[in-house]
Amino acid sequence: MVKMTKSKTFQAYLPNCHRTYSCIHCRAHLANHDELISKSFQGSHGRAYLFNSVVNVGCGPAEERVLLTGLHAVADIYCENCKTTLGWKYEHAFESSQKYKEGKFIIELAHMIKDNGWE
């Protein structure tokens, strides 16, 4: 008897020819390496990367938080497949020097893995 298993279906698949970051818990694609802005960020639970855009990610409600760089309105982001909280999206920065973060995404290293083309 052959047991049929349902394969995972993600909302978006990034091209196999590009280096990508995936959810460490379920391997859903999260971001293309070309969308990486900075590796010099701090998340709630350790180091984090700042991305211009992400895929397969849901967004919670925005709330004001005082972060290391001042007051921001941020919304937690989570993996659409396994529902793990990954980081946050910057909705609004109150300091003019932080405006470049608006609309960008933080993903903590603890929740992502490198996929495709890393050597």
C-alpha atoms as a PDB file:
ATOM      1  CA  MET A   1       0.000   0.000   0.000  1.00  0.00           C
ATOM      2  CA  VAL A   2       1.354   3.428  -0.993  1.00  0.00           C
ATOM      3  CA  LYS A   3       0.710   6.290   1.374  1.00  0.00           C
ATOM      4  CA  MET A   4      -0.057   9.539  -0.434  1.00  0.00           C
ATOM      5  CA  THR A   5       1.264  12.671   1.207  1.00  0.00           C
ATOM      6  CA  LYS A   6       0.190  16.138   0.298  1.00  0.00           C
ATOM      7  CA  SER A   7       3.089  18.334  -0.750  1.00  0.00           C
ATOM      8  CA  LYS A   8       3.349  21.817   0.688  1.00  0.00           C
ATOM      9  CA  THR A   9       1.980  24.614  -1.449  1.00  0.00           C
ATOM     10  CA  PHE A  10       3.291  28.093  -0.830  1.00  0.00           C
ATOM     11  CA  GLN A  11       1.763  31.301  -2.123  1.00  0.00           C
ATOM     12  CA  ALA A  12       4.951  32.264  -3.940  1.00  0.00           C
ATOM     13  CA  TYR A  13       8.028  30.409  -5.115  1.00  0.00           C
ATOM     14  CA  LEU A  14      11.200  32.344  -5.787  1.00  0.00           C
ATOM     15  CA  PRO A  15      13.311  31.277  -8.813  1.00  0.00           C
ATOM     16  CA  ASN A  16      15.695  28.374  -8.164  1.00  0.00           C
ATOM     17  CA  CYS A  17      18.490  30.265  -9.904  1.00  0.00           C
ATOM     18  CA  HIS A  18      18.614  32.923  -7.150  1.00  0.00           C
ATOM     19  CA  ARG A  19      19.944  32.736  -3.630  1.00  0.00           C
ATOM     20  CA  THR A  20      16.953  32.851  -1.317  1.00  0.00           C
ATOM     21  CA  TYR A  21      16.051  32.889   2.359  1.00  0.00           C
ATOM     22  CA  SER A  22      13.397  30.460   3.613  1.00  0.00           C
ATOM     23  CA  CYS A  23      11.499  29.836   6.839  1.00  0.00           C
ATOM     24  CA  ILE A  24      13.648  27.548   8.976  1.00  0.00           C
ATOM     25  CA  HIS A  25      10.531  25.838  10.348  1.00  0.00           C
ATOM     26  CA  CYS A  26       8.704  24.911   7.107  1.00  0.00           C
ATOM     27  CA  ARG A  27      11.057  25.990   4.265  1.00  0.00           C
ATOM     28  CA  ALA A  28       8.571  28.417   2.698  1.00  0.00           C
ATOM     29  CA  HIS A  29      10.431  30.980   0.593  1.00  0.00           C
ATOM     30  CA  LEU A  30      10.664  34.370   2.313  1.00  0.00           C
ATOM     31  CA  ALA A  31      13.002  36.623   0.349  1.00  0.00           C
ATOM     32  CA  ASN A  32      15.391  36.844  -2.561  1.00  0.00           C
ATOM     33  CA  HIS A  33      18.971  37.771  -1.641  1.00  0.00           C
ATOM     34  CA  ASP A  34      18.707  40.734  -4.031  1.00  0.00           C
ATOM     35  CA  GLU A  35      16.082  42.244  -1.686  1.00  0.00           C
ATOM     36  CA  LEU A  36      18.499  42.300   1.281  1.00  0.00           C
ATOM     37  CA  ILE A  37      19.225  45.857   2.432  1.00  0.00           C
ATOM     38  CA  SER A  38      21.243  45.307   5.617  1.00  0.00           C
ATOM     39  CA  LYS A  39      22.571  42.561   7.896  1.00  0.00           C
ATOM     40  CA  SER A  40      23.154  45.008  10.754  1.00  0.00           C
ATOM     41  CA  PHE A  41      19.830  44.875  12.574  1.00  0.00           C
ATOM     42  CA  GLN A  42      18.748  43.606  15.953  1.00  0.00           C
ATOM     43  CA  GLY A  43      15.496  41.699  16.366  1.00  0.00           C
ATOM     44  CA  SER A  44      13.645  40.825  19.548  1.00  0.00           C
ATOM     45  CA  HIS A  45      15.618  37.585  19.876  1.00  0.00           C
ATOM     46  CA  GLY A  46      18.970  38.329  18.252  1.00  0.00           C
ATOM     47  CA  ARG A  47      20.416  39.403  14.917  1.00  0.00           C
ATOM     48  CA  ALA A  48      18.103  40.235  12.044  1.00  0.00           C
ATOM     49  CA  TYR A  49      18.218  41.290   8.388  1.00  0.00           C
ATOM     50  CA  LEU A  50      16.367  44.173   6.749  1.00  0.00           C
ATOM     51  CA  PHE A  51      14.651  43.349   3.433  1.00  0.00           C
ATOM     52  CA  ASN A  52      13.023  45.564   0.833  1.00  0.00           C
ATOM     53  CA  SER A  53      10.324  42.966   0.075  1.00  0.00           C
ATOM     54  CA  VAL A  54       9.269  39.490   1.215  1.00  0.00           C
ATOM     55  CA  VAL A  55       6.880  36.723   0.103  1.00  0.00           C
ATOM     56  CA  ASN A  56       4.702  34.163   1.910  1.00  0.00           C
ATOM     57  CA  VAL A  57       4.417  36.512   4.889  1.00  0.00           C
ATOM     58  CA  GLY A  58       1.334  37.770   6.714  1.00  0.00           C
ATOM     59  CA  CYS A  59       1.144  41.005   8.643  1.00  0.00           C
ATOM     60  CA  GLY A  60      -0.512  41.715  11.985  1.00  0.00           C
ATOM     61  CA  PRO A  61      -1.868  45.058  13.200  1.00  0.00           C
ATOM     62  CA  ALA A  62       0.522  47.995  13.544  1.00  0.00           C
ATOM     63  CA  GLU A  63       1.478  49.222  16.991  1.00  0.00           C
ATOM     64  CA  GLU A  64       3.903  51.809  18.301  1.00  0.00           C
ATOM     65  CA  ARG A  65       7.106  50.425  19.826  1.00  0.00           C
ATOM     66  CA  VAL A  66      10.239  52.049  21.153  1.00  0.00           C
ATOM     67  CA  LEU A  67      13.101  50.241  19.396  1.00  0.00           C
ATOM     68  CA  LEU A  68      16.867  50.797  19.604  1.00  0.00           C
ATOM     69  CA  THR A  69      16.596  53.588  17.008  1.00  0.00           C
ATOM     70  CA  GLY A  70      13.564  55.334  18.496  1.00  0.00           C
ATOM     71  CA  LEU A  71       9.792  55.227  18.232  1.00  0.00           C
ATOM     72  CA  HIS A  72       8.340  53.313  15.261  1.00  0.00           C
ATOM     73  CA  ALA A  73       4.943  51.987  14.227  1.00  0.00           C
ATOM     74  CA  VAL A  74       5.574  48.320  13.389  1.00  0.00           C
ATOM     75  CA  ALA A  75       3.465  45.273  12.576  1.00  0.00           C
ATOM     76  CA  ASP A  76       4.574  41.746  13.423  1.00  0.00           C
ATOM     77  CA  ILE A  77       5.051  39.517  10.373  1.00  0.00           C
ATOM     78  CA  TYR A  78       4.578  35.766  10.312  1.00  0.00           C
ATOM     79  CA  CYS A  79       5.089  32.870   7.918  1.00  0.00           C
ATOM     80  CA  GLU A  80       1.833  32.269   6.019  1.00  0.00           C
ATOM     81  CA  ASN A  81       2.536  28.528   5.973  1.00  0.00           C
ATOM     82  CA  CYS A  82       3.479  27.646   9.568  1.00  0.00           C
ATOM     83  CA  LYS A  83       2.340  30.889  11.300  1.00  0.00           C
ATOM     84  CA  THR A  84       5.687  31.436  13.072  1.00  0.00           C
ATOM     85  CA  THR A  85       6.380  35.073  13.955  1.00  0.00           C
ATOM     86  CA  LEU A  86       9.446  36.057  11.920  1.00  0.00           C
ATOM     87  CA  GLY A  87       9.999  39.725  12.720  1.00  0.00           C
ATOM     88  CA  TRP A  88       8.161  42.919  11.807  1.00  0.00           C
ATOM     89  CA  LYS A  89       7.327  45.434   9.117  1.00  0.00           C
ATOM     90  CA  TYR A  90       8.146  49.102   9.618  1.00  0.00           C
ATOM     91  CA  GLU A  91       4.903  50.978   8.962  1.00  0.00           C
ATOM     92  CA  HIS A  92       6.019  54.421  10.161  1.00  0.00           C
ATOM     93  CA  ALA A  93       9.181  55.977  11.543  1.00  0.00           C
ATOM     94  CA  PHE A  94       8.792  59.070  13.728  1.00  0.00           C
ATOM     95  CA  GLU A  95      12.443  60.168  13.402  1.00  0.00           C
ATOM     96  CA  SER A  96      13.360  61.687  10.029  1.00  0.00           C
ATOM     97  CA  SER A  97      16.654  59.767   9.969  1.00  0.00           C
ATOM     98  CA  GLN A  98      14.725  56.482  10.167  1.00  0.00           C
ATOM     99  CA  LYS A  99      12.215  57.135   7.343  1.00  0.00           C
ATOM    100  CA  TYR A 100      14.163  54.842   4.974  1.00  0.00           C
ATOM    101  CA  LYS A 101      12.836  51.854   6.974  1.00  0.00           C
ATOM    102  CA  GLU A 102       9.176  52.545   6.201  1.00  0.00           C
ATOM    103  CA  GLY A 103       7.616  49.688   4.249  1.00  0.00           C
ATOM    104  CA  LYS A 104      10.659  47.452   4.872  1.00  0.00           C
ATOM    105  CA  PHE A 105      10.793  44.111   6.695  1.00  0.00           C
ATOM    106  CA  ILE A 106      12.912  42.711   9.535  1.00  0.00           C
ATOM    107  CA  ILE A 107      13.381  38.925   9.649  1.00  0.00           C
ATOM    108  CA  GLU A 108      15.315  37.421  12.542  1.00  0.00           C
ATOM    109  CA  LEU A 109      18.146  35.032  11.659  1.00  0.00           C
ATOM    110  CA  ALA A 110      16.760  32.481  14.117  1.00  0.00           C
ATOM    111  CA  HIS A 111      13.749  31.994  11.804  1.00  0.00           C
ATOM    112  CA  MET A 112      15.343  31.761   8.366  1.00  0.00           C
ATOM    113  CA  ILE A 113      17.712  29.551   6.427  1.00  0.00           C
ATOM    114  CA  LYS A 114      19.680  30.102   3.222  1.00  0.00           C
ATOM    115  CA  ASP A 115      18.406  28.167   0.196  1.00  0.00           C
ATOM    116  CA  ASN A 116      19.398  27.774  -3.478  1.00  0.00           C
ATOM    117  CA  GLY A 117      22.836  28.616  -4.767  1.00  0.00           C
ATOM    118  CA  TRP A 118      24.732  29.329  -1.530  1.00  0.00           C
ATOM    119  CA  GLU A 119      28.212  27.798  -1.510  1.00  0.00           C
END
